[in-house]
Amino acid sequence: MKRVPADRIRGLSRRQFLTLLMEVPVVLGVTTPLVLTAGALSPPRSLRPLPPRMAVAKEEEVGEKPVEFIYDGYPAILFKKDGEYKAFSRVCTHLGCIVAWKEEEQVFECPCHGGVFDAEGKVVKGPPPEPLHRLAVWVENGLVMVEKEVG
């Protein structure tokens, strides 16, 4: 029976391991400046186009039940309570999961990491670092309109 050196059992020789160990910093040294340069060349937020204004529903269609809709490519939700409209993005501010509205508890729950937001979008529990993003809401010509709040 032929003996096999222990360093060859796992399929990587000592020389290959040391070569790999020296190549990793080189790859990181080359790619890091490229990533930083790409970020520096992208336009600042102030120059990016504003998100669109959009009609969500006719005024008479918004009642007790919330209206779910897609705004700027993401799920959002509209409420009318005591004659006042409120709209929020349903994207969790922790890692971008989609929160669910729990009518009975009057809270938003994130299924990914247990984040909970109250009916005003404020963080009640869990890891989210900030409240849900609120959308500006107004009525124009009988239509309930939304737009991302800037600032």
N, C-alpha and C. Protein backbone atom coordinates (compact mmCIF):
# COMPACT_ATOMS: atom_id res chain seq x y z
N MET A 1 0.84 -1.18 0.00
CA MET A 1 0.00 0.00 0.00
C MET A 1 0.89 1.25 0.00
N LYS A 2 0.56 2.18 -0.87
CA LYS A 2 1.36 3.40 -1.01
C LYS A 2 0.94 4.42 0.04
N ARG A 3 1.91 5.03 0.66
CA ARG A 3 1.63 6.05 1.68
C ARG A 3 1.44 7.41 1.02
N VAL A 4 0.44 8.14 1.53
CA VAL A 4 0.15 9.48 1.02
C VAL A 4 0.46 10.48 2.13
N PRO A 5 1.27 11.52 1.83
CA PRO A 5 1.58 12.51 2.88
C PRO A 5 0.30 13.16 3.40
N ALA A 6 0.30 13.48 4.68
CA ALA A 6 -0.89 14.04 5.35
C ALA A 6 -1.34 15.36 4.73
N ASP A 7 -0.40 16.18 4.26
CA ASP A 7 -0.79 17.48 3.70
C ASP A 7 -1.47 17.34 2.33
N ARG A 8 -1.45 16.15 1.73
CA ARG A 8 -2.09 15.93 0.44
C ARG A 8 -3.48 15.30 0.57
N ILE A 9 -3.83 14.87 1.74
CA ILE A 9 -5.11 14.18 1.94
C ILE A 9 -6.28 15.10 1.62
N ARG A 10 -6.21 16.32 2.00
CA ARG A 10 -7.33 17.24 1.80
C ARG A 10 -7.33 17.88 0.42
N GLY A 11 -6.38 17.54 -0.42
CA GLY A 11 -6.39 18.02 -1.78
C GLY A 11 -5.67 19.34 -2.00
N LEU A 12 -5.07 19.92 -0.98
CA LEU A 12 -4.39 21.20 -1.11
C LEU A 12 -3.00 21.06 -0.51
N SER A 13 -1.99 21.22 -1.34
CA SER A 13 -0.62 21.08 -0.82
C SER A 13 -0.24 22.33 -0.03
N ARG A 14 0.85 22.22 0.68
CA ARG A 14 1.33 23.37 1.48
C ARG A 14 1.65 24.54 0.55
N ARG A 15 2.28 24.26 -0.57
CA ARG A 15 2.64 25.30 -1.53
C ARG A 15 1.39 25.98 -2.09
N GLN A 16 0.38 25.19 -2.44
CA GLN A 16 -0.87 25.76 -2.95
C GLN A 16 -1.55 26.63 -1.89
N PHE A 17 -1.53 26.17 -0.66
CA PHE A 17 -2.13 26.94 0.43
C PHE A 17 -1.43 28.28 0.61
N LEU A 18 -0.09 28.27 0.63
CA LEU A 18 0.66 29.52 0.81
C LEU A 18 0.46 30.46 -0.37
N THR A 19 0.38 29.91 -1.58
CA THR A 19 0.12 30.73 -2.76
C THR A 19 -1.25 31.40 -2.65
N LEU A 20 -2.24 30.62 -2.27
CA LEU A 20 -3.59 31.16 -2.08
C LEU A 20 -3.60 32.25 -1.01
N LEU A 21 -2.87 32.00 0.07
CA LEU A 21 -2.80 32.96 1.17
C LEU A 21 -2.20 34.29 0.70
N MET A 22 -1.27 34.24 -0.25
CA MET A 22 -0.66 35.47 -0.75
C MET A 22 -1.52 36.13 -1.83
N GLU A 23 -2.36 35.38 -2.52
CA GLU A 23 -3.19 35.95 -3.59
C GLU A 23 -4.39 36.72 -3.05
N VAL A 24 -4.93 36.31 -1.93
CA VAL A 24 -6.13 36.95 -1.38
C VAL A 24 -5.90 38.44 -1.13
N PRO A 25 -4.82 38.86 -0.44
CA PRO A 25 -4.63 40.31 -0.24
C PRO A 25 -4.45 41.08 -1.55
N VAL A 26 -3.85 40.43 -2.55
CA VAL A 26 -3.67 41.09 -3.84
C VAL A 26 -5.03 41.35 -4.48
N VAL A 27 -5.89 40.35 -4.48
CA VAL A 27 -7.23 40.50 -5.06
C VAL A 27 -8.00 41.59 -4.32
N LEU A 28 -7.94 41.57 -2.99
CA LEU A 28 -8.63 42.60 -2.21
C LEU A 28 -8.04 43.99 -2.48
N GLY A 29 -6.73 44.05 -2.63
CA GLY A 29 -6.08 45.33 -2.90
C GLY A 29 -6.47 45.92 -4.25
N VAL A 30 -6.77 45.07 -5.21
CA VAL A 30 -7.17 45.53 -6.54
C VAL A 30 -8.66 45.88 -6.57
N THR A 31 -9.50 45.05 -5.97
CA THR A 31 -10.95 45.27 -6.09
C THR A 31 -11.48 46.38 -5.18
N THR A 32 -10.89 46.58 -4.02
CA THR A 32 -11.40 47.61 -3.10
C THR A 32 -11.40 49.00 -3.73
N PRO A 33 -10.30 49.45 -4.35
CA PRO A 33 -10.35 50.78 -4.99
C PRO A 33 -11.39 50.87 -6.11
N LEU A 34 -11.61 49.77 -6.82
CA LEU A 34 -12.62 49.79 -7.89
C LEU A 34 -14.01 50.02 -7.32
N VAL A 35 -14.32 49.35 -6.22
CA VAL A 35 -15.63 49.51 -5.59
C VAL A 35 -15.79 50.93 -5.06
N LEU A 36 -14.75 51.45 -4.41
CA LEU A 36 -14.82 52.81 -3.87
C LEU A 36 -14.95 53.85 -4.99
N THR A 37 -14.25 53.64 -6.09
CA THR A 37 -14.34 54.56 -7.22
C THR A 37 -15.74 54.55 -7.83
N ALA A 38 -16.34 53.38 -7.95
CA ALA A 38 -17.69 53.29 -8.50
C ALA A 38 -18.67 54.07 -7.63
N GLY A 39 -18.53 53.97 -6.30
CA GLY A 39 -19.40 54.73 -5.40
C GLY A 39 -19.18 56.22 -5.51
N ALA A 40 -17.93 56.62 -5.70
CA ALA A 40 -17.62 58.05 -5.80
C ALA A 40 -18.13 58.64 -7.11
N LEU A 41 -18.22 57.83 -8.15
CA LEU A 41 -18.66 58.33 -9.45
C LEU A 41 -20.17 58.36 -9.61
N SER A 42 -20.90 57.67 -8.74
CA SER A 42 -22.37 57.71 -8.85
C SER A 42 -22.87 59.07 -8.37
N PRO A 43 -23.96 59.55 -8.94
CA PRO A 43 -24.43 60.89 -8.58
C PRO A 43 -24.92 60.94 -7.13
N PRO A 44 -24.73 62.09 -6.46
CA PRO A 44 -25.24 62.22 -5.10
C PRO A 44 -26.76 62.15 -5.09
N ARG A 45 -27.32 61.80 -3.94
CA ARG A 45 -28.77 61.65 -3.83
C ARG A 45 -29.51 62.91 -4.26
N SER A 46 -28.93 64.05 -3.99
CA SER A 46 -29.63 65.30 -4.32
C SER A 46 -29.81 65.48 -5.82
N LEU A 47 -29.02 64.78 -6.64
CA LEU A 47 -29.13 64.91 -8.09
C LEU A 47 -29.95 63.79 -8.74
N ARG A 48 -30.29 62.78 -7.97
CA ARG A 48 -31.09 61.68 -8.51
C ARG A 48 -32.53 62.15 -8.70
N PRO A 49 -33.24 61.57 -9.65
CA PRO A 49 -34.62 62.01 -9.87
C PRO A 49 -35.51 61.70 -8.67
N LEU A 50 -36.46 62.58 -8.44
CA LEU A 50 -37.41 62.36 -7.35
C LEU A 50 -38.33 61.20 -7.69
N PRO A 51 -38.75 60.44 -6.67
CA PRO A 51 -39.71 59.38 -6.95
C PRO A 51 -41.03 59.97 -7.43
N PRO A 52 -41.79 59.20 -8.14
CA PRO A 52 -43.00 59.73 -8.77
C PRO A 52 -44.14 60.04 -7.81
N ARG A 53 -44.98 60.98 -8.24
CA ARG A 53 -46.28 61.19 -7.59
C ARG A 53 -47.21 60.18 -8.23
N MET A 54 -48.14 59.67 -7.44
CA MET A 54 -48.97 58.62 -8.00
C MET A 54 -50.34 58.60 -7.34
N ALA A 55 -51.36 58.33 -8.14
CA ALA A 55 -52.72 58.15 -7.61
C ALA A 55 -52.85 56.71 -7.14
N VAL A 56 -53.32 56.54 -5.90
CA VAL A 56 -53.45 55.20 -5.32
C VAL A 56 -54.86 54.67 -5.49
N ALA A 57 -55.85 55.54 -5.24
CA ALA A 57 -57.25 55.11 -5.30
C ALA A 57 -58.14 56.33 -5.40
N LYS A 58 -59.39 56.10 -5.75
CA LYS A 58 -60.38 57.18 -5.66
C LYS A 58 -60.68 57.40 -4.18
N GLU A 59 -60.98 58.63 -3.84
CA GLU A 59 -61.22 58.98 -2.45
C GLU A 59 -62.29 58.10 -1.80
N GLU A 60 -63.37 57.81 -2.54
CA GLU A 60 -64.46 57.02 -1.97
C GLU A 60 -64.10 55.53 -1.82
N GLU A 61 -63.02 55.08 -2.45
CA GLU A 61 -62.61 53.68 -2.35
C GLU A 61 -61.82 53.37 -1.08
N VAL A 62 -61.34 54.41 -0.42
CA VAL A 62 -60.52 54.20 0.78
C VAL A 62 -61.43 54.27 2.00
N GLY A 63 -61.57 53.15 2.67
CA GLY A 63 -62.44 53.08 3.84
C GLY A 63 -61.70 52.55 5.05
N GLU A 64 -62.37 51.66 5.78
CA GLU A 64 -61.80 51.08 7.00
C GLU A 64 -60.59 50.18 6.72
N LYS A 65 -60.68 49.43 5.63
CA LYS A 65 -59.59 48.50 5.33
C LYS A 65 -58.45 49.23 4.63
N PRO A 66 -57.21 48.90 4.98
CA PRO A 66 -56.07 49.54 4.30
C PRO A 66 -56.00 49.13 2.83
N VAL A 67 -55.42 50.00 2.03
CA VAL A 67 -55.24 49.75 0.60
C VAL A 67 -53.76 49.46 0.37
N GLU A 68 -53.46 48.28 -0.16
CA GLU A 68 -52.08 47.93 -0.48
C GLU A 68 -51.82 48.28 -1.94
N PHE A 69 -50.62 48.79 -2.22
CA PHE A 69 -50.27 49.18 -3.58
C PHE A 69 -48.76 49.10 -3.76
N ILE A 70 -48.32 49.23 -4.99
CA ILE A 70 -46.89 49.25 -5.31
C ILE A 70 -46.50 50.68 -5.61
N TYR A 71 -45.47 51.17 -4.91
CA TYR A 71 -44.99 52.53 -5.13
C TYR A 71 -43.51 52.48 -5.47
N ASP A 72 -43.14 53.02 -6.59
CA ASP A 72 -41.75 53.07 -7.05
C ASP A 72 -41.11 51.68 -7.01
N GLY A 73 -41.92 50.65 -7.31
CA GLY A 73 -41.41 49.29 -7.38
C GLY A 73 -41.45 48.51 -6.07
N TYR A 74 -41.95 49.12 -5.00
CA TYR A 74 -41.96 48.46 -3.69
C TYR A 74 -43.36 48.46 -3.09
N PRO A 75 -43.69 47.45 -2.27
CA PRO A 75 -45.01 47.41 -1.64
C PRO A 75 -45.19 48.55 -0.65
N ALA A 76 -46.40 49.09 -0.62
CA ALA A 76 -46.74 50.17 0.31
C ALA A 76 -48.18 49.96 0.77
N ILE A 77 -48.60 50.76 1.74
CA ILE A 77 -49.94 50.60 2.30
C ILE A 77 -50.51 51.97 2.67
N LEU A 78 -51.81 52.14 2.45
CA LEU A 78 -52.51 53.41 2.71
C LEU A 78 -53.63 53.15 3.71
N PHE A 79 -53.73 54.03 4.73
CA PHE A 79 -54.78 53.95 5.74
C PHE A 79 -55.58 55.24 5.74
N LYS A 80 -56.84 55.15 6.14
CA LYS A 80 -57.65 56.33 6.43
C LYS A 80 -58.26 56.10 7.81
N LYS A 81 -57.85 56.93 8.76
CA LYS A 81 -58.34 56.79 10.12
C LYS A 81 -58.74 58.16 10.63
N ASP A 82 -59.97 58.27 11.11
CA ASP A 82 -60.51 59.54 11.60
C ASP A 82 -60.37 60.64 10.56
N GLY A 83 -60.60 60.29 9.29
CA GLY A 83 -60.55 61.26 8.21
C GLY A 83 -59.15 61.64 7.76
N GLU A 84 -58.13 61.06 8.37
CA GLU A 84 -56.74 61.39 8.03
C GLU A 84 -56.09 60.22 7.29
N TYR A 85 -55.39 60.55 6.20
CA TYR A 85 -54.70 59.53 5.42
C TYR A 85 -53.26 59.37 5.91
N LYS A 86 -52.79 58.11 5.90
CA LYS A 86 -51.39 57.81 6.20
C LYS A 86 -50.95 56.71 5.25
N ALA A 87 -49.74 56.83 4.75
CA ALA A 87 -49.20 55.80 3.86
C ALA A 87 -47.75 55.53 4.23
N PHE A 88 -47.38 54.25 4.15
CA PHE A 88 -46.03 53.83 4.51
C PHE A 88 -45.50 52.85 3.47
N SER A 89 -44.18 52.85 3.32
CA SER A 89 -43.53 51.77 2.59
C SER A 89 -43.62 50.53 3.47
N ARG A 90 -43.79 49.37 2.85
CA ARG A 90 -43.84 48.13 3.62
C ARG A 90 -42.48 47.43 3.64
N VAL A 91 -41.42 48.15 3.30
CA VAL A 91 -40.08 47.59 3.31
C VAL A 91 -39.45 47.86 4.68
N CYS A 92 -39.07 46.79 5.38
CA CYS A 92 -38.46 46.91 6.71
C CYS A 92 -37.14 47.66 6.59
N THR A 93 -36.89 48.55 7.53
CA THR A 93 -35.67 49.36 7.51
C THR A 93 -34.46 48.60 8.05
N HIS A 94 -34.64 47.35 8.45
CA HIS A 94 -33.52 46.55 8.94
C HIS A 94 -32.77 45.94 7.76
N LEU A 95 -33.40 44.99 7.07
CA LEU A 95 -32.73 44.34 5.94
C LEU A 95 -33.58 44.26 4.68
N GLY A 96 -34.66 45.03 4.63
CA GLY A 96 -35.44 45.12 3.41
C GLY A 96 -36.50 44.06 3.19
N CYS A 97 -36.83 43.30 4.22
CA CYS A 97 -37.93 42.34 4.09
C CYS A 97 -39.26 43.10 4.02
N ILE A 98 -40.30 42.43 3.58
CA ILE A 98 -41.62 43.06 3.45
C ILE A 98 -42.42 42.82 4.73
N VAL A 99 -42.83 43.91 5.38
CA VAL A 99 -43.59 43.80 6.62
C VAL A 99 -45.06 43.53 6.30
N ALA A 100 -45.74 42.88 7.25
CA ALA A 100 -47.16 42.57 7.10
C ALA A 100 -47.95 43.38 8.13
N TRP A 101 -49.10 43.92 7.70
CA TRP A 101 -49.98 44.66 8.61
C TRP A 101 -50.84 43.66 9.35
N LYS A 102 -50.82 43.72 10.69
CA LYS A 102 -51.64 42.86 11.54
C LYS A 102 -52.77 43.71 12.10
N GLU A 103 -53.94 43.60 11.50
CA GLU A 103 -55.10 44.44 11.84
C GLU A 103 -55.48 44.30 13.32
N GLU A 104 -55.50 43.07 13.83
CA GLU A 104 -55.94 42.84 15.22
C GLU A 104 -55.04 43.56 16.22
N GLU A 105 -53.73 43.50 16.00
CA GLU A 105 -52.78 44.13 16.93
C GLU A 105 -52.46 45.58 16.56
N GLN A 106 -52.88 46.00 15.37
CA GLN A 106 -52.59 47.34 14.86
C GLN A 106 -51.08 47.60 14.79
N VAL A 107 -50.34 46.60 14.27
CA VAL A 107 -48.89 46.72 14.12
C VAL A 107 -48.45 46.13 12.77
N PHE A 108 -47.26 46.53 12.35
CA PHE A 108 -46.59 45.91 11.21
C PHE A 108 -45.58 44.93 11.80
N GLU A 109 -45.51 43.72 11.24
CA GLU A 109 -44.53 42.74 11.70
C GLU A 109 -43.63 42.33 10.54
N CYS A 110 -42.34 42.25 10.84
CA CYS A 110 -41.37 41.79 9.85
C CYS A 110 -41.13 40.30 10.08
N PRO A 111 -41.34 39.47 9.06
CA PRO A 111 -41.18 38.03 9.23
C PRO A 111 -39.73 37.57 9.32
N CYS A 112 -38.79 38.42 8.94
CA CYS A 112 -37.39 37.98 8.88
C CYS A 112 -36.68 37.96 10.24
N HIS A 113 -36.77 39.04 10.98
CA HIS A 113 -36.02 39.12 12.24
C HIS A 113 -36.86 39.63 13.40
N GLY A 114 -38.18 39.57 13.28
CA GLY A 114 -39.04 39.91 14.41
C GLY A 114 -39.22 41.38 14.68
N GLY A 115 -38.91 42.24 13.74
CA GLY A 115 -39.14 43.67 13.93
C GLY A 115 -40.63 43.98 13.98
N VAL A 116 -41.01 44.91 14.86
CA VAL A 116 -42.41 45.31 14.98
C VAL A 116 -42.48 46.83 14.94
N PHE A 117 -43.43 47.35 14.15
CA PHE A 117 -43.66 48.78 14.02
C PHE A 117 -45.11 49.06 14.42
N ASP A 118 -45.35 50.21 15.07
CA ASP A 118 -46.73 50.56 15.43
C ASP A 118 -47.46 51.15 14.22
N ALA A 119 -48.70 51.56 14.43
CA ALA A 119 -49.53 52.08 13.34
C ALA A 119 -49.01 53.40 12.78
N GLU A 120 -48.08 54.04 13.48
CA GLU A 120 -47.45 55.27 12.99
C GLU A 120 -46.12 54.98 12.29
N GLY A 121 -45.77 53.69 12.20
CA GLY A 121 -44.52 53.29 11.54
C GLY A 121 -43.31 53.32 12.45
N LYS A 122 -43.49 53.63 13.74
CA LYS A 122 -42.36 53.71 14.68
C LYS A 122 -41.96 52.31 15.14
N VAL A 123 -40.65 52.13 15.37
CA VAL A 123 -40.14 50.84 15.83
C VAL A 123 -40.61 50.58 17.26
N VAL A 124 -41.22 49.41 17.47
CA VAL A 124 -41.69 49.01 18.79
C VAL A 124 -40.76 47.93 19.36
N LYS A 125 -40.27 47.05 18.47
CA LYS A 125 -39.47 45.93 18.93
C LYS A 125 -38.57 45.45 17.80
N GLY A 126 -37.42 44.92 18.18
CA GLY A 126 -36.56 44.26 17.21
C GLY A 126 -35.42 45.12 16.70
N PRO A 127 -34.74 44.62 15.66
CA PRO A 127 -33.52 45.26 15.18
C PRO A 127 -33.65 46.44 14.22
N PRO A 128 -34.84 46.78 13.67
CA PRO A 128 -34.86 47.89 12.71
C PRO A 128 -34.29 49.18 13.31
N PRO A 129 -33.38 49.84 12.58
CA PRO A 129 -32.73 51.04 13.10
C PRO A 129 -33.56 52.32 13.01
N GLU A 130 -34.59 52.31 12.18
CA GLU A 130 -35.40 53.52 12.02
C GLU A 130 -36.84 53.14 11.66
N PRO A 131 -37.77 54.10 11.76
CA PRO A 131 -39.17 53.80 11.45
C PRO A 131 -39.37 53.47 9.97
N LEU A 132 -40.55 52.95 9.67
CA LEU A 132 -40.91 52.73 8.27
C LEU A 132 -40.92 54.06 7.54
N HIS A 133 -40.58 54.04 6.26
CA HIS A 133 -40.58 55.28 5.48
C HIS A 133 -42.02 55.68 5.17
N ARG A 134 -42.32 56.92 5.52
CA ARG A 134 -43.68 57.43 5.33
C ARG A 134 -43.79 58.11 3.97
N LEU A 135 -44.95 57.99 3.37
CA LEU A 135 -45.23 58.66 2.11
C LEU A 135 -46.15 59.84 2.37
N ALA A 136 -45.93 60.93 1.66
CA ALA A 136 -46.83 62.09 1.75
C ALA A 136 -48.13 61.71 1.05
N VAL A 137 -49.27 62.08 1.64
CA VAL A 137 -50.59 61.74 1.09
C VAL A 137 -51.44 63.00 1.01
N TRP A 138 -52.17 63.17 -0.10
CA TRP A 138 -53.11 64.27 -0.25
C TRP A 138 -54.18 63.86 -1.26
N VAL A 139 -55.26 64.60 -1.28
CA VAL A 139 -56.35 64.34 -2.23
C VAL A 139 -56.32 65.42 -3.30
N GLU A 140 -56.38 64.97 -4.56
CA GLU A 140 -56.34 65.89 -5.70
C GLU A 140 -57.37 65.42 -6.72
N ASN A 141 -58.37 66.26 -6.99
CA ASN A 141 -59.43 65.93 -7.96
C ASN A 141 -60.11 64.59 -7.65
N GLY A 142 -60.34 64.33 -6.38
CA GLY A 142 -61.03 63.10 -5.98
C GLY A 142 -60.15 61.86 -5.92
N LEU A 143 -58.87 62.02 -6.19
CA LEU A 143 -57.93 60.90 -6.14
C LEU A 143 -56.99 61.05 -4.95
N VAL A 144 -56.72 59.93 -4.27
CA VAL A 144 -55.75 59.93 -3.17
C VAL A 144 -54.38 59.75 -3.80
N MET A 145 -53.53 60.74 -3.61
CA MET A 145 -52.20 60.77 -4.22
C MET A 145 -51.13 60.49 -3.16
N VAL A 146 -50.01 59.89 -3.58
CA VAL A 146 -48.88 59.67 -2.69
C VAL A 146 -47.59 60.09 -3.38
N GLU A 147 -46.62 60.37 -2.55
CA GLU A 147 -45.29 60.72 -3.04
C GLU A 147 -44.33 60.52 -1.87
N LYS A 148 -43.12 60.12 -2.16
CA LYS A 148 -42.13 59.92 -1.10
C LYS A 148 -41.81 61.25 -0.44
N GLU A 149 -41.81 61.23 0.90
CA GLU A 149 -41.41 62.44 1.62
C GLU A 149 -39.91 62.61 1.46
N VAL A 150 -39.48 63.78 1.09
CA VAL A 150 -38.07 64.06 0.87
C VAL A 150 -37.54 64.82 2.07
N GLY A 151 -36.39 64.35 2.57
CA GLY A 151 -35.76 65.06 3.69
C GLY A 151 -35.87 64.41 5.00
